Amino acid sequence: MPYTLADLKPGQSAVVSAVGGEDALHRHLLDMGLTPGVKVLLQKTAPMGDPVEIHLRGYALTLRLEDARKITLADEPKA
């Protein structure tokens, strides 16, 4: 069953499988490095749960939960 970036708990990581959103939002998410195949780590959430801070490609990115729900994830491959 697919899950989204908003479903991760702090310390969990996964791989982006698809990026949703409409037009400008979709392009903006891709421009920020959220592309299929990239590994993301949920670093922390704000006290009320929104926004969330993720780490990817060597930098930190903060997203609103509404936007995080548009990022579909897959489990990391087992080594």
PDB file of N, CA and C in Angstrom:
ATOM      1  N   MET A   1       0.843  -1.190   0.000  1.00  0.00           N
ATOM      2  CA  MET A   1       0.000   0.000   0.000  1.00  0.00           C
ATOM      3  C   MET A   1       0.882   1.245   0.000  1.00  0.00           C
ATOM      4  N   PRO A   2       0.636   2.178  -0.913  1.00  0.00           N
ATOM      5  CA  PRO A   2       1.474   3.368  -0.968  1.00  0.00           C
ATOM      6  C   PRO A   2       1.280   4.255   0.266  1.00  0.00           C
ATOM      7  N   TYR A   3       2.328   4.935   0.614  1.00  0.00           N
ATOM      8  CA  TYR A   3       2.250   5.896   1.711  1.00  0.00           C
ATOM      9  C   TYR A   3       2.993   7.149   1.294  1.00  0.00           C
ATOM     10  N   THR A   4       2.825   8.210   2.085  1.00  0.00           N
ATOM     11  CA  THR A   4       3.370   9.502   1.696  1.00  0.00           C
ATOM     12  C   THR A   4       4.386   9.994   2.711  1.00  0.00           C
ATOM     13  N   LEU A   5       5.038  11.071   2.360  1.00  0.00           N
ATOM     14  CA  LEU A   5       6.018  11.705   3.236  1.00  0.00           C
ATOM     15  C   LEU A   5       5.387  12.114   4.560  1.00  0.00           C
ATOM     16  N   ALA A   6       4.111  12.458   4.551  1.00  0.00           N
ATOM     17  CA  ALA A   6       3.414  12.863   5.779  1.00  0.00           C
ATOM     18  C   ALA A   6       3.227  11.683   6.738  1.00  0.00           C
ATOM     19  N   ASP A   7       3.371  10.444   6.253  1.00  0.00           N
ATOM     20  CA  ASP A   7       3.194   9.256   7.092  1.00  0.00           C
ATOM     21  C   ASP A   7       4.455   8.854   7.856  1.00  0.00           C
ATOM     22  N   LEU A   8       5.607   9.396   7.467  1.00  0.00           N
ATOM     23  CA  LEU A   8       6.858   9.034   8.141  1.00  0.00           C
ATOM     24  C   LEU A   8       6.900   9.600   9.553  1.00  0.00           C
ATOM     25  N   LYS A   9       7.620   8.904  10.412  1.00  0.00           N
ATOM     26  CA  LYS A   9       7.883   9.354  11.780  1.00  0.00           C
ATOM     27  C   LYS A   9       9.334   9.830  11.839  1.00  0.00           C
ATOM     28  N   PRO A  10       9.673  10.722  12.784  1.00  0.00           N
ATOM     29  CA  PRO A  10      11.057  11.190  12.883  1.00  0.00           C
ATOM     30  C   PRO A  10      12.046  10.027  12.968  1.00  0.00           C
ATOM     31  N   GLY A  11      13.095  10.127  12.163  1.00  0.00           N
ATOM     32  CA  GLY A  11      14.124   9.090  12.112  1.00  0.00           C
ATOM     33  C   GLY A  11      13.897   8.060  11.025  1.00  0.00           C
ATOM     34  N   GLN A  12      12.718   8.021  10.427  1.00  0.00           N
ATOM     35  CA  GLN A  12      12.433   7.069   9.356  1.00  0.00           C
ATOM     36  C   GLN A  12      12.877   7.636   8.015  1.00  0.00           C
ATOM     37  N   SER A  13      13.278   6.734   7.129  1.00  0.00           N
ATOM     38  CA  SER A  13      13.660   7.156   5.784  1.00  0.00           C
ATOM     39  C   SER A  13      12.951   6.273   4.765  1.00  0.00           C
ATOM     40  N   ALA A  14      12.882   6.769   3.547  1.00  0.00           N
ATOM     41  CA  ALA A  14      12.239   6.058   2.443  1.00  0.00           C
ATOM     42  C   ALA A  14      12.752   6.657   1.138  1.00  0.00           C
ATOM     43  N   VAL A  15      12.265   6.103   0.043  1.00  0.00           N
ATOM     44  CA  VAL A  15      12.650   6.572  -1.281  1.00  0.00           C
ATOM     45  C   VAL A  15      11.410   7.138  -1.974  1.00  0.00           C
ATOM     46  N   VAL A  16      11.568   8.290  -2.602  1.00  0.00           N
ATOM     47  CA  VAL A  16      10.456   8.913  -3.325  1.00  0.00           C
ATOM     48  C   VAL A  16      10.123   8.057  -4.539  1.00  0.00           C
ATOM     49  N   SER A  17       8.839   7.722  -4.692  1.00  0.00           N
ATOM     50  CA  SER A  17       8.431   6.949  -5.867  1.00  0.00           C
ATOM     51  C   SER A  17       7.642   7.799  -6.859  1.00  0.00           C
ATOM     52  N   ALA A  18       6.936   8.818  -6.378  1.00  0.00           N
ATOM     53  CA  ALA A  18       6.187   9.699  -7.282  1.00  0.00           C
ATOM     54  C   ALA A  18       5.977  11.051  -6.610  1.00  0.00           C
ATOM     55  N   VAL A  19       5.873  12.078  -7.449  1.00  0.00           N
ATOM     56  CA  VAL A  19       5.641  13.434  -6.971  1.00  0.00           C
ATOM     57  C   VAL A  19       4.339  13.933  -7.581  1.00  0.00           C
ATOM     58  N   GLY A  20       3.381  14.256  -6.724  1.00  0.00           N
ATOM     59  CA  GLY A  20       2.086  14.748  -7.198  1.00  0.00           C
ATOM     60  C   GLY A  20       2.049  16.263  -7.185  1.00  0.00           C
ATOM     61  N   GLY A  21       0.860  16.792  -7.083  1.00  0.00           N
ATOM     62  CA  GLY A  21       0.700  18.244  -7.081  1.00  0.00           C
ATOM     63  C   GLY A  21       0.259  18.733  -8.441  1.00  0.00           C
ATOM     64  N   GLU A  22      -0.269  19.907  -8.451  1.00  0.00           N
ATOM     65  CA  GLU A  22      -0.761  20.513  -9.686  1.00  0.00           C
ATOM     66  C   GLU A  22       0.236  21.529 -10.214  1.00  0.00           C
ATOM     67  N   ASP A  23       0.519  21.466 -11.467  1.00  0.00           N
ATOM     68  CA  ASP A  23       1.309  22.427 -12.221  1.00  0.00           C
ATOM     69  C   ASP A  23       2.480  23.048 -11.456  1.00  0.00           C
ATOM     70  N   ALA A  24       2.305  24.280 -10.928  1.00  0.00           N
ATOM     71  CA  ALA A  24       3.399  25.018 -10.302  1.00  0.00           C
ATOM     72  C   ALA A  24       3.926  24.307  -9.066  1.00  0.00           C
ATOM     73  N   LEU A  25       3.046  23.722  -8.250  1.00  0.00           N
ATOM     74  CA  LEU A  25       3.494  23.009  -7.064  1.00  0.00           C
ATOM     75  C   LEU A  25       4.324  21.790  -7.455  1.00  0.00           C
ATOM     76  N   HIS A  26       3.866  21.048  -8.445  1.00  0.00           N
ATOM     77  CA  HIS A  26       4.601  19.877  -8.914  1.00  0.00           C
ATOM     78  C   HIS A  26       6.010  20.277  -9.365  1.00  0.00           C
ATOM     79  N   ARG A  27       6.100  21.313 -10.155  1.00  0.00           N
ATOM     80  CA  ARG A  27       7.397  21.795 -10.654  1.00  0.00           C
ATOM     81  C   ARG A  27       8.283  22.262  -9.498  1.00  0.00           C
ATOM     82  N   HIS A  28       7.689  22.947  -8.522  1.00  0.00           N
ATOM     83  CA  HIS A  28       8.431  23.465  -7.377  1.00  0.00           C
ATOM     84  C   HIS A  28       9.005  22.311  -6.540  1.00  0.00           C
ATOM     85  N   LEU A  29       8.215  21.280  -6.314  1.00  0.00           N
ATOM     86  CA  LEU A  29       8.699  20.122  -5.551  1.00  0.00           C
ATOM     87  C   LEU A  29       9.863  19.448  -6.279  1.00  0.00           C
ATOM     88  N   LEU A  30       9.742  19.295  -7.584  1.00  0.00           N
ATOM     89  CA  LEU A  30      10.830  18.704  -8.368  1.00  0.00           C
ATOM     90  C   LEU A  30      12.084  19.583  -8.316  1.00  0.00           C
ATOM     91  N   ASP A  31      11.900  20.891  -8.419  1.00  0.00           N
ATOM     92  CA  ASP A  31      13.031  21.821  -8.377  1.00  0.00           C
ATOM     93  C   ASP A  31      13.760  21.776  -7.038  1.00  0.00           C
ATOM     94  N   MET A  32      13.042  21.443  -5.967  1.00  0.00           N
ATOM     95  CA  MET A  32      13.652  21.354  -4.641  1.00  0.00           C
ATOM     96  C   MET A  32      14.386  20.030  -4.443  1.00  0.00           C
ATOM     97  N   GLY A  33      14.391  19.178  -5.449  1.00  0.00           N
ATOM     98  CA  GLY A  33      15.137  17.931  -5.367  1.00  0.00           C
ATOM     99  C   GLY A  33      14.307  16.716  -5.027  1.00  0.00           C
ATOM    100  N   LEU A  34      13.010  16.873  -4.875  1.00  0.00           N
ATOM    101  CA  LEU A  34      12.129  15.751  -4.565  1.00  0.00           C
ATOM    102  C   LEU A  34      11.752  15.045  -5.865  1.00  0.00           C
ATOM    103  N   THR A  35      12.663  14.218  -6.350  1.00  0.00           N
ATOM    104  CA  THR A  35      12.456  13.496  -7.596  1.00  0.00           C
ATOM    105  C   THR A  35      12.395  12.001  -7.310  1.00  0.00           C
ATOM    106  N   PRO A  36      11.712  11.240  -8.158  1.00  0.00           N
ATOM    107  CA  PRO A  36      11.649   9.790  -7.943  1.00  0.00           C
ATOM    108  C   PRO A  36      13.043   9.180  -7.832  1.00  0.00           C
ATOM    109  N   GLY A  37      13.193   8.310  -6.827  1.00  0.00           N
ATOM    110  CA  GLY A  37      14.461   7.622  -6.609  1.00  0.00           C
ATOM    111  C   GLY A  37      15.328   8.236  -5.526  1.00  0.00           C
ATOM    112  N   VAL A  38      15.027   9.449  -5.083  1.00  0.00           N
ATOM    113  CA  VAL A  38      15.856  10.097  -4.062  1.00  0.00           C
ATOM    114  C   VAL A  38      15.455   9.599  -2.675  1.00  0.00           C
ATOM    115  N   LYS A  39      16.463   9.375  -1.832  1.00  0.00           N
ATOM    116  CA  LYS A  39      16.223   8.944  -0.447  1.00  0.00           C
ATOM    117  C   LYS A  39      15.946  10.171   0.412  1.00  0.00           C
ATOM    118  N   VAL A  40      14.918  10.074   1.254  1.00  0.00           N
ATOM    119  CA  VAL A  40      14.569  11.158   2.175  1.00  0.00           C
ATOM    120  C   VAL A  40      14.532  10.622   3.603  1.00  0.00           C
ATOM    121  N   LEU A  41      14.911  11.464   4.543  1.00  0.00           N
ATOM    122  CA  LEU A  41      14.886  11.130   5.965  1.00  0.00           C
ATOM    123  C   LEU A  41      14.056  12.188   6.669  1.00  0.00           C
ATOM    124  N   LEU A  42      13.039  11.764   7.407  1.00  0.00           N
ATOM    125  CA  LEU A  42      12.259  12.719   8.190  1.00  0.00           C
ATOM    126  C   LEU A  42      13.044  13.011   9.455  1.00  0.00           C
ATOM    127  N   GLN A  43      13.555  14.220   9.555  1.00  0.00           N
ATOM    128  CA  GLN A  43      14.392  14.607  10.685  1.00  0.00           C
ATOM    129  C   GLN A  43      13.548  14.945  11.902  1.00  0.00           C
ATOM    130  N   LYS A  44      12.560  15.842  11.710  1.00  0.00           N
ATOM    131  CA  LYS A  44      11.731  16.238  12.847  1.00  0.00           C
ATOM    132  C   LYS A  44      10.446  16.876  12.362  1.00  0.00           C
ATOM    133  N   THR A  45       9.504  16.980  13.307  1.00  0.00           N
ATOM    134  CA  THR A  45       8.242  17.660  13.028  1.00  0.00           C
ATOM    135  C   THR A  45       8.094  18.813  14.017  1.00  0.00           C
ATOM    136  N   ALA A  46       7.333  19.801  13.637  1.00  0.00           N
ATOM    137  CA  ALA A  46       7.047  20.915  14.538  1.00  0.00           C
ATOM    138  C   ALA A  46       6.173  20.405  15.688  1.00  0.00           C
ATOM    139  N   PRO A  47       6.125  21.118  16.802  1.00  0.00           N
ATOM    140  CA  PRO A  47       5.341  20.656  17.960  1.00  0.00           C
ATOM    141  C   PRO A  47       3.891  20.299  17.647  1.00  0.00           C
ATOM    142  N   MET A  48       3.253  20.996  16.748  1.00  0.00           N
ATOM    143  CA  MET A  48       1.869  20.684  16.392  1.00  0.00           C
ATOM    144  C   MET A  48       1.788  19.744  15.186  1.00  0.00           C
ATOM    145  N   GLY A  49       2.956  19.251  14.707  1.00  0.00           N
ATOM    146  CA  GLY A  49       2.982  18.291  13.611  1.00  0.00           C
ATOM    147  C   GLY A  49       3.126  18.887  12.227  1.00  0.00           C
ATOM    148  N   ASP A  50       3.071  20.189  12.109  1.00  0.00           N
ATOM    149  CA  ASP A  50       3.146  20.832  10.799  1.00  0.00           C
ATOM    150  C   ASP A  50       3.953  22.108  10.945  1.00  0.00           C
ATOM    151  N   PRO A  51       5.041  22.306  10.250  1.00  0.00           N
ATOM    152  CA  PRO A  51       5.570  21.547   9.122  1.00  0.00           C
ATOM    153  C   PRO A  51       6.502  20.408   9.563  1.00  0.00           C
ATOM    154  N   VAL A  52       7.060  19.719   8.563  1.00  0.00           N
ATOM    155  CA  VAL A  52       8.026  18.656   8.814  1.00  0.00           C
ATOM    156  C   VAL A  52       9.356  19.039   8.168  1.00  0.00           C
ATOM    157  N   GLU A  53      10.443  18.577   8.778  1.00  0.00           N
ATOM    158  CA  GLU A  53      11.775  18.833   8.218  1.00  0.00           C
ATOM    159  C   GLU A  53      12.331  17.515   7.707  1.00  0.00           C
ATOM    160  N   ILE A  54      12.692  17.508   6.425  1.00  0.00           N
ATOM    161  CA  ILE A  54      13.289  16.315   5.838  1.00  0.00           C
ATOM    162  C   ILE A  54      14.710  16.627   5.388  1.00  0.00           C
ATOM    163  N   HIS A  55      15.516  15.586   5.300  1.00  0.00           N
ATOM    164  CA  HIS A  55      16.871  15.722   4.780  1.00  0.00           C
ATOM    165  C   HIS A  55      16.968  14.903   3.505  1.00  0.00           C
ATOM    166  N   LEU A  56      17.512  15.522   2.472  1.00  0.00           N
ATOM    167  CA  LEU A  56      17.723  14.863   1.192  1.00  0.00           C
ATOM    168  C   LEU A  56      18.852  15.554   0.464  1.00  0.00           C
ATOM    169  N   ARG A  57      19.576  14.806  -0.307  1.00  0.00           N
ATOM    170  CA  ARG A  57      20.662  15.354  -1.132  1.00  0.00           C
ATOM    171  C   ARG A  57      21.614  16.271  -0.371  1.00  0.00           C
ATOM    172  N   GLY A  58      21.816  16.013   0.926  1.00  0.00           N
ATOM    173  CA  GLY A  58      22.773  16.781   1.710  1.00  0.00           C
ATOM    174  C   GLY A  58      22.253  18.084   2.282  1.00  0.00           C
ATOM    175  N   TYR A  59      20.962  18.335   2.218  1.00  0.00           N
ATOM    176  CA  TYR A  59      20.426  19.558   2.811  1.00  0.00           C
ATOM    177  C   TYR A  59      19.085  19.289   3.494  1.00  0.00           C
ATOM    178  N   ALA A  60      18.654  20.248   4.301  1.00  0.00           N
ATOM    179  CA  ALA A  60      17.388  20.145   5.015  1.00  0.00           C
ATOM    180  C   ALA A  60      16.319  20.943   4.269  1.00  0.00           C
ATOM    181  N   LEU A  61      15.116  20.398   4.245  1.00  0.00           N
ATOM    182  CA  LEU A  61      13.989  21.036   3.579  1.00  0.00           C
ATOM    183  C   LEU A  61      12.781  20.953   4.496  1.00  0.00           C
ATOM    184  N   THR A  62      12.081  22.047   4.657  1.00  0.00           N
ATOM    185  CA  THR A  62      10.880  22.073   5.479  1.00  0.00           C
ATOM    186  C   THR A  62       9.666  22.169   4.564  1.00  0.00           C
ATOM    187  N   LEU A  63       8.702  21.275   4.794  1.00  0.00           N
ATOM    188  CA  LEU A  63       7.482  21.229   3.981  1.00  0.00           C
ATOM    189  C   LEU A  63       6.241  21.251   4.855  1.00  0.00           C
ATOM    190  N   ARG A  64       5.190  21.857   4.354  1.00  0.00           N
ATOM    191  CA  ARG A  64       3.891  21.763   5.021  1.00  0.00           C
ATOM    192  C   ARG A  64       3.363  20.347   4.828  1.00  0.00           C
ATOM    193  N   LEU A  65       2.563  19.872   5.780  1.00  0.00           N
ATOM    194  CA  LEU A  65       1.987  18.532   5.671  1.00  0.00           C
ATOM    195  C   LEU A  65       1.141  18.390   4.412  1.00  0.00           C
ATOM    196  N   GLU A  66       0.440  19.436   4.051  1.00  0.00           N
ATOM    197  CA  GLU A  66      -0.389  19.405   2.841  1.00  0.00           C
ATOM    198  C   GLU A  66       0.456  19.054   1.617  1.00  0.00           C
ATOM    199  N   ASP A  67       1.650  19.641   1.525  1.00  0.00           N
ATOM    200  CA  ASP A  67       2.544  19.348   0.406  1.00  0.00           C
ATOM    201  C   ASP A  67       3.211  17.987   0.569  1.00  0.00           C
ATOM    202  N   ALA A  68       3.548  17.609   1.802  1.00  0.00           N
ATOM    203  CA  ALA A  68       4.182  16.315   2.060  1.00  0.00           C
ATOM    204  C   ALA A  68       3.264  15.162   1.656  1.00  0.00           C
ATOM    205  N   ARG A  69       1.966  15.360   1.721  1.00  0.00           N
ATOM    206  CA  ARG A  69       1.008  14.311   1.333  1.00  0.00           C
ATOM    207  C   ARG A  69       1.003  14.057  -0.170  1.00  0.00           C
ATOM    208  N   LYS A  70       1.610  14.920  -0.935  1.00  0.00           N
ATOM    209  CA  LYS A  70       1.664  14.758  -2.385  1.00  0.00           C
ATOM    210  C   LYS A  70       2.889  13.963  -2.839  1.00  0.00           C
ATOM    211  N   ILE A  71       3.771  13.608  -1.896  1.00  0.00           N
ATOM    212  CA  ILE A  71       4.988  12.857  -2.211  1.00  0.00           C
ATOM    213  C   ILE A  71       4.768  11.395  -1.825  1.00  0.00           C
ATOM    214  N   THR A  72       4.650  10.520  -2.816  1.00  0.00           N
ATOM    215  CA  THR A  72       4.455   9.092  -2.568  1.00  0.00           C
ATOM    216  C   THR A  72       5.806   8.422  -2.374  1.00  0.00           C
ATOM    217  N   LEU A  73       5.870   7.513  -1.401  1.00  0.00           N
ATOM    218  CA  LEU A  73       7.133   6.869  -1.037  1.00  0.00           C
ATOM    219  C   LEU A  73       7.085   5.361  -1.244  1.00  0.00           C
ATOM    220  N   ALA A  74       8.276   4.788  -1.298  1.00  0.00           N
ATOM    221  CA  ALA A  74       8.454   3.341  -1.306  1.00  0.00           C
ATOM    222  C   ALA A  74       9.520   3.020  -0.275  1.00  0.00           C
ATOM    223  N   ASP A  75       9.474   1.816   0.277  1.00  0.00           N
ATOM    224  CA  ASP A  75      10.497   1.408   1.248  1.00  0.00           C
ATOM    225  C   ASP A  75      11.856   1.357   0.573  1.00  0.00           C
ATOM    226  N   GLU A  76      12.896   1.606   1.363  1.00  0.00           N
ATOM    227  CA  GLU A  76      14.258   1.494   0.854  1.00  0.00           C
ATOM    228  C   GLU A  76      14.561   0.043   0.533  1.00  0.00           C
ATOM    229  N   PRO A  77      15.315  -0.204  -0.524  1.00  0.00           N
ATOM    230  CA  PRO A  77      15.690  -1.586  -0.820  1.00  0.00           C
ATOM    231  C   PRO A  77      16.557  -2.163   0.307  1.00  0.00           C
ATOM    232  N   LYS A  78      16.351  -3.404   0.633  1.00  0.00           N
ATOM    233  CA  LYS A  78      17.149  -4.068   1.674  1.00  0.00           C
ATOM    234  C   LYS A  78      18.530  -4.394   1.112  1.00  0.00           C
ATOM    235  N   ALA A  79      19.548  -4.106   1.910  1.00  0.00           N
ATOM    236  CA  ALA A  79      20.928  -4.360   1.466  1.00  0.00           C
ATOM    237  C   ALA A  79      21.328  -5.799   1.705  1.00  0.00           C
TER     238      ALA A  79
END
